[in-house]
Protein backbone atom coordinates (compact mmCIF):
# COMPACT_ATOMS: atom_id res chain seq x y z
CA UNK A 1 109.16 72.09 110.57
CA UNK A 2 112.46 74.59 109.46
CA UNK A 3 112.79 77.28 111.61
CA UNK A 4 111.88 80.77 108.94
CA UNK A 5 113.30 83.56 110.12
CA UNK A 6 117.12 84.01 109.41
CA UNK A 7 119.65 83.08 111.74
CA UNK A 8 121.53 85.95 111.37
CA UNK A 9 118.61 88.01 112.74
CA UNK A 10 117.69 86.59 115.12
CA UNK A 11 121.22 86.48 116.70
CA UNK A 12 120.70 90.40 116.22
CA UNK A 13 117.82 90.10 118.57
CA UNK A 14 119.28 88.31 120.86
CA UNK A 15 122.12 91.24 121.17
CA UNK A 16 119.83 93.87 121.13
CA UNK A 17 118.47 93.05 124.63
CA UNK A 18 114.36 93.04 124.35
CA UNK A 19 113.69 93.53 127.74
CA UNK A 20 110.53 94.74 129.88
CA UNK A 21 113.26 97.04 132.00
CA UNK A 22 115.53 98.90 129.74
CA UNK A 23 119.26 98.34 131.24
CA UNK A 24 119.54 101.86 130.06
CA UNK A 25 117.27 104.39 132.10
CA UNK A 26 118.19 107.18 130.03
CA UNK A 27 117.59 105.93 126.26
CA UNK A 28 114.44 106.35 124.38
CA UNK A 29 112.90 102.81 124.08
CA UNK A 30 110.53 101.31 121.42
CA UNK A 31 107.61 99.47 123.58
CA UNK A 32 104.89 97.47 122.41
CA UNK A 33 101.55 97.05 123.21
CA UNK A 34 98.13 94.69 122.58
CA UNK A 35 94.37 96.44 122.09
CA UNK A 36 91.92 93.54 121.18
CA UNK A 37 89.07 95.32 119.32
CA UNK A 38 85.69 93.57 118.42
CA UNK A 39 84.82 96.65 116.15
CA UNK A 40 87.70 95.98 113.73
CA UNK A 41 86.70 94.37 110.20
CA UNK A 42 86.58 90.56 110.57
CA UNK A 43 89.12 90.08 107.40
CA UNK A 44 90.62 86.74 105.96
CA UNK A 45 94.04 85.65 104.77
CA UNK A 46 94.60 87.91 102.23
CA UNK A 47 92.79 91.00 103.53
CA UNK A 48 89.44 91.39 102.77
CA UNK A 49 86.15 91.35 104.42
CA UNK A 50 85.23 87.75 105.53
CA UNK A 51 81.64 86.73 106.59
CA UNK A 52 81.51 83.13 108.73
CA UNK A 53 81.26 80.11 105.97
CA UNK A 54 77.50 78.22 105.84
CA UNK A 55 77.74 76.01 108.44
CA UNK A 56 79.64 77.52 110.97
CA UNK A 57 79.21 79.76 113.47
CA UNK A 58 81.65 82.42 115.47
CA UNK A 59 81.81 84.40 118.61
CA UNK A 60 83.78 87.51 120.01
CA UNK A 61 85.90 86.10 122.60
CA UNK A 62 86.82 88.33 125.84
CA UNK A 63 90.77 88.11 126.00
CA UNK A 64 92.54 87.79 128.80
CA UNK A 65 95.82 87.45 127.26
CA UNK A 66 98.29 87.00 124.43
CA UNK A 67 101.65 86.17 123.77
CA UNK A 68 103.57 87.13 120.43
CA UNK A 69 106.83 85.79 119.62
CA UNK A 70 108.25 87.66 116.51
CA UNK A 71 107.52 91.51 115.56
CA UNK A 72 109.40 92.85 112.23
CA UNK A 73 109.35 96.31 111.09
CA UNK A 74 108.77 96.71 106.86
CA UNK A 75 109.36 99.93 105.14
CA UNK A 76 107.62 98.74 102.40
CA UNK A 77 105.13 96.01 100.74
CA UNK A 78 107.92 94.24 98.89
CA UNK A 79 109.96 94.28 101.80
CA UNK A 80 110.27 89.80 101.79
CA UNK A 81 109.72 88.36 105.48
CA UNK A 82 113.36 88.64 108.09
CA UNK A 83 114.49 90.99 105.86
CA UNK A 84 112.78 93.91 107.47
CA UNK A 85 113.95 95.07 111.18
CA UNK A 86 113.34 91.85 113.58
CA UNK A 87 112.93 94.37 116.76
CA UNK A 88 111.98 91.07 119.03
CA UNK A 89 112.23 87.39 119.09
CA UNK A 90 111.20 85.44 122.08
CA UNK A 91 113.05 82.15 122.98
CA UNK A 92 112.95 78.91 121.23
CA UNK A 93 113.34 75.13 122.03
CA UNK A 94 114.68 72.03 120.88
CA UNK A 95 113.34 69.71 123.77
CA UNK A 96 110.04 68.41 121.59
CA UNK A 97 112.35 66.98 118.73
CA UNK A 98 112.01 70.12 116.68
CA UNK A 99 112.64 73.69 117.06
CA UNK A 100 109.91 75.78 118.58
CA UNK A 101 108.41 78.47 120.22
CA UNK A 102 109.32 77.79 124.52
CA UNK A 103 105.84 78.67 125.69
CA UNK A 104 107.34 78.63 129.67
CA UNK A 105 109.68 81.72 128.48
CA UNK A 106 106.81 83.80 126.14
CA UNK A 107 106.00 87.00 128.01
CA UNK A 108 102.48 87.13 128.43
CA UNK A 109 100.10 90.32 128.61
CA UNK A 110 96.83 91.81 128.70
CA UNK A 111 95.69 94.48 127.06
CA UNK A 112 97.92 98.03 127.45
CA UNK A 113 99.94 96.14 128.91
CA UNK A 114 103.73 96.60 127.90
CA UNK A 115 104.68 93.20 126.87
CA UNK A 116 107.99 94.31 125.00
CA UNK A 117 110.16 96.94 125.51
CA UNK A 118 113.58 97.42 123.01
CA UNK A 119 116.06 100.45 123.37
CA UNK A 120 115.65 102.66 120.15
CA UNK A 121 119.12 102.79 119.26
CA UNK A 122 119.01 99.18 118.59
CA UNK A 123 116.28 100.07 115.97
CA UNK A 124 117.91 100.29 112.46
CA UNK A 125 117.20 104.13 111.80
CA UNK A 126 114.16 104.41 108.40
CA UNK A 127 110.71 104.80 107.74
CA UNK A 128 108.54 101.74 108.23
CA UNK A 129 105.18 101.29 106.96
CA UNK A 130 103.85 97.84 108.02
CA UNK A 131 104.39 95.45 111.01
CA UNK A 132 104.63 91.63 110.85
CA UNK A 133 103.69 90.31 114.71
CA UNK A 134 103.62 86.46 115.06
CA UNK A 135 101.06 85.13 117.48
CA UNK A 136 101.59 82.47 119.20
CA UNK A 137 99.20 82.07 122.32
CA UNK A 138 95.51 83.46 122.82
CA UNK A 139 93.71 83.80 126.43
CA UNK A 140 89.87 84.00 126.55
CA UNK A 141 86.68 83.50 127.53
CA UNK A 142 84.11 82.06 125.94
CA UNK A 143 80.08 81.06 126.09
CA UNK A 144 78.73 77.69 125.17
CA UNK A 145 76.45 75.08 126.54
CA UNK A 146 76.68 71.81 127.72
CA UNK A 147 73.83 69.38 127.10
CA UNK A 148 72.71 65.84 127.79
CA UNK A 149 74.38 65.78 131.24
CA UNK A 150 73.16 62.90 133.06
CA UNK A 151 70.59 63.89 135.48
CA UNK A 152 71.20 67.45 134.90
CA UNK A 153 70.01 67.63 131.67
CA UNK A 154 71.32 71.02 130.14
CA UNK A 155 73.79 73.83 131.03
CA UNK A 156 73.09 76.48 128.65
CA UNK A 157 75.31 79.98 128.37
CA UNK A 158 78.05 78.86 130.61
CA UNK A 159 81.53 80.20 130.33
CA UNK A 160 84.71 78.76 130.29
CA UNK A 161 88.30 79.70 128.80
CA UNK A 162 90.08 78.70 126.34
CA UNK A 163 94.51 78.58 125.91
CA UNK A 164 94.74 78.40 122.20
CA UNK A 165 97.89 77.87 120.40
CA UNK A 166 98.34 79.57 117.02
CA UNK A 167 102.42 79.49 116.27
CA UNK A 168 104.16 77.74 113.85
CA UNK A 169 105.14 75.21 116.89
CA UNK A 170 104.81 75.45 120.03
CA UNK A 171 106.81 73.53 123.04
CA UNK A 172 104.42 73.39 126.47
CA UNK A 173 105.60 72.18 129.19
CA UNK A 174 102.09 72.82 131.18
CA UNK A 175 99.27 75.47 130.10
CA UNK A 176 96.49 76.65 132.66
CA UNK A 177 93.65 78.24 130.63
CA UNK A 178 92.45 79.60 134.40
CA UNK A 179 92.70 77.46 137.40
CA UNK A 180 93.07 74.02 136.32
CA UNK A 181 96.67 72.89 134.96
CA UNK A 182 97.09 70.58 131.55
CA UNK A 183 100.20 68.72 131.76
CA UNK A 184 101.52 68.09 128.24
CA UNK A 185 105.31 67.89 127.53
CA UNK A 186 105.62 67.98 123.80
CA UNK A 187 105.26 70.09 120.94
CA UNK A 188 102.25 71.55 119.32
CA UNK A 189 101.58 72.51 116.22
CA UNK A 190 99.09 75.53 115.24
CA UNK A 191 95.59 74.92 115.83
CA UNK A 192 95.97 73.26 119.70
CA UNK A 193 93.91 74.37 122.17
CA UNK A 194 92.69 73.47 125.76
CA UNK A 195 89.76 74.31 127.16
CA UNK A 196 88.36 74.74 130.67
CA UNK A 197 84.57 74.98 131.89
CA UNK A 198 84.07 76.99 134.82
CA UNK A 199 80.85 76.12 136.08
CA UNK A 200 79.01 77.83 139.41
CA UNK A 201 78.20 75.65 142.31
CA UNK A 202 76.00 72.98 142.29
CA UNK A 203 77.53 72.23 139.31
CA UNK A 204 81.35 72.81 139.73
CA UNK A 205 82.13 69.51 140.34
CA UNK A 206 81.55 68.89 136.49
CA UNK A 207 84.74 71.44 135.69
CA UNK A 208 87.32 69.97 133.64
CA UNK A 209 89.93 70.93 130.90
CA UNK A 210 89.32 69.33 127.88
CA UNK A 211 91.66 69.66 124.78
CA UNK A 212 92.32 69.24 120.89
CA UNK A 213 93.40 70.70 117.42
CA UNK A 214 91.79 72.46 115.05
CA UNK A 215 92.20 71.08 110.83
CA UNK A 216 95.76 71.94 110.04
CA UNK A 217 95.58 75.02 107.65
CA UNK A 218 92.36 76.38 108.85
CA UNK A 219 93.66 79.09 111.09
CA UNK A 220 93.33 82.47 109.45
CA UNK A 221 96.37 84.27 109.24
CA UNK A 222 95.54 88.06 107.77
CA UNK A 223 98.56 88.92 104.95
CA UNK A 224 97.49 91.89 102.95
CA UNK A 225 100.72 91.66 101.61
CA UNK A 226 100.52 87.92 100.03
CA UNK A 227 101.09 88.57 96.71
CA UNK A 228 104.16 90.78 97.15
CA UNK A 229 105.44 89.79 100.62
CA UNK A 230 103.92 85.99 101.65
CA UNK A 231 104.27 84.12 104.82
CA UNK A 232 105.45 80.27 105.62
CA UNK A 233 101.90 77.84 105.48
CA UNK A 234 101.55 77.37 109.20
CA UNK A 235 103.10 80.26 111.03
CA UNK A 236 100.87 82.83 112.19
CA UNK A 237 102.59 86.24 111.03
CA UNK A 238 99.77 88.62 111.14
CA UNK A 239 100.68 91.90 108.57
CA UNK A 240 99.13 95.34 109.40
CA UNK A 241 99.80 98.93 108.22
CA UNK A 242 100.52 102.07 110.27
CA UNK A 243 97.75 104.30 110.22
CA UNK A 244 101.22 107.10 109.38
CA UNK A 245 104.42 105.37 108.78
CA UNK A 246 106.64 105.26 111.81
CA UNK A 247 109.79 107.32 111.20
CA UNK A 248 113.04 106.05 113.59
CA UNK A 249 116.08 108.63 113.39
CA UNK A 250 118.29 106.77 116.03
CA UNK A 251 117.92 110.30 117.93
CA UNK A 252 115.17 109.68 119.76
CA UNK A 253 114.85 111.33 123.79
CA UNK A 254 111.26 110.06 124.09
CA UNK A 255 109.74 106.30 124.57
CA UNK A 256 107.72 105.32 120.89
CA UNK A 257 104.96 102.94 121.72
CA UNK A 258 103.66 101.39 119.28
CA UNK A 259 99.59 99.41 119.56
CA UNK A 260 99.12 96.11 118.25
CA UNK A 261 95.34 96.51 117.65
CA UNK A 262 94.02 93.13 116.83
CA UNK A 263 90.60 92.34 115.23
CA UNK A 264 88.85 89.71 117.58
CA UNK A 265 85.68 90.42 115.69
CA UNK A 266 83.70 86.49 115.86
CA UNK A 267 87.24 85.37 115.70
CA UNK A 268 86.52 82.14 117.54
CA UNK A 269 84.86 79.34 114.92
CA UNK A 270 83.14 76.18 115.28
CA UNK A 271 81.43 74.05 112.94
CA UNK A 272 77.48 74.76 113.84
CA UNK A 273 76.07 71.29 113.86
CA UNK A 274 72.14 72.13 114.79
CA UNK A 275 72.54 75.29 113.85
CA UNK A 276 71.47 77.73 116.45
CA UNK A 277 74.21 80.06 116.33
CA UNK A 278 75.78 78.68 120.04
CA UNK A 279 78.65 76.46 120.79
CA UNK A 280 77.18 73.19 121.83
CA UNK A 281 79.26 70.60 124.03
CA UNK A 282 77.37 67.19 125.34
CA UNK A 283 78.30 65.44 128.24
CA UNK A 284 76.43 61.98 127.74
CA UNK A 285 79.40 60.25 125.96
CA UNK A 286 77.53 59.62 122.85
CA UNK A 287 76.92 62.66 120.82
CA UNK A 288 79.90 64.45 119.37
CA UNK A 289 80.80 67.91 120.58
CA UNK A 290 80.99 70.82 117.77
CA UNK A 291 83.68 71.04 116.72
CA UNK A 292 86.14 74.47 116.60
CA UNK A 293 87.86 74.87 113.51
CA UNK A 294 89.44 78.29 113.72
CA UNK A 295 91.19 80.40 116.31
CA UNK A 296 93.08 83.20 114.29
CA UNK A 297 92.92 86.99 114.86
CA UNK A 298 90.85 88.54 112.13
CA UNK A 299 93.33 91.81 111.41
CA UNK A 300 95.75 94.19 112.78
CA UNK A 301 95.85 97.84 112.83
CA UNK A 302 99.36 99.13 114.40
CA UNK A 303 99.14 102.85 115.47
CA UNK A 304 102.28 104.41 117.41
CA UNK A 305 102.54 107.26 119.42
């Protein structure tokens, strides 16, 4: 897959020193943090309210961490992808053959944690109405049922942790959803997931990691600017409008904090084979487990202070 961010822009960001600890302590910084909001509207790819499709079910996961690969500030609705102010771009690698996000080097953060800090002197002065954030990785807890387990029977309302990869392409050496490690050593396209069960004693002997892929093209990527500023298929560039435009003058003396509030409203979706509204996994080796189909975030509302 071709890289869809201009090489010049990537070079500029490399020299802009996107650091967690600014090298110039006397300068003001533009810093970013996450918020995971279960009450924000559940939107579809074009930014309209979306119900759960018939035959599917979904739940709102409990987020632990997330990683964003790319952040762009856009002045207006007609600003094409890559032509705004690219203020953050994480590391990439071609270890797997194609260019991919380097998961080993991807900064990860929980809610209200600053994950990126950029000297405001390196941000082009301007008025910005929109943010584009390319989400790469999500880590969260979900509930599920383990059914038809030999001897034991059914274990209902269990907890598990999902490591969800929704970026355009990610090179993964290993991934640790919770306490166990899965070795990958390969590129993975949008939709790859690893799922670790967290059974309590005496059933902890059954804990394991499972992995798979959501169908190609099924991951929701909210872009209200789909008509005026489209994004490439297979990317996860979520687009959101500031509640009030962000103005950068270049003369700032205090930090500006941008909160990227993502909608996690029923963002984890699967095919509900038995219609019970619960995620069912089967341990009899015969019955197919219900298939995960969508792990996309359901909207972005950026704010700043």
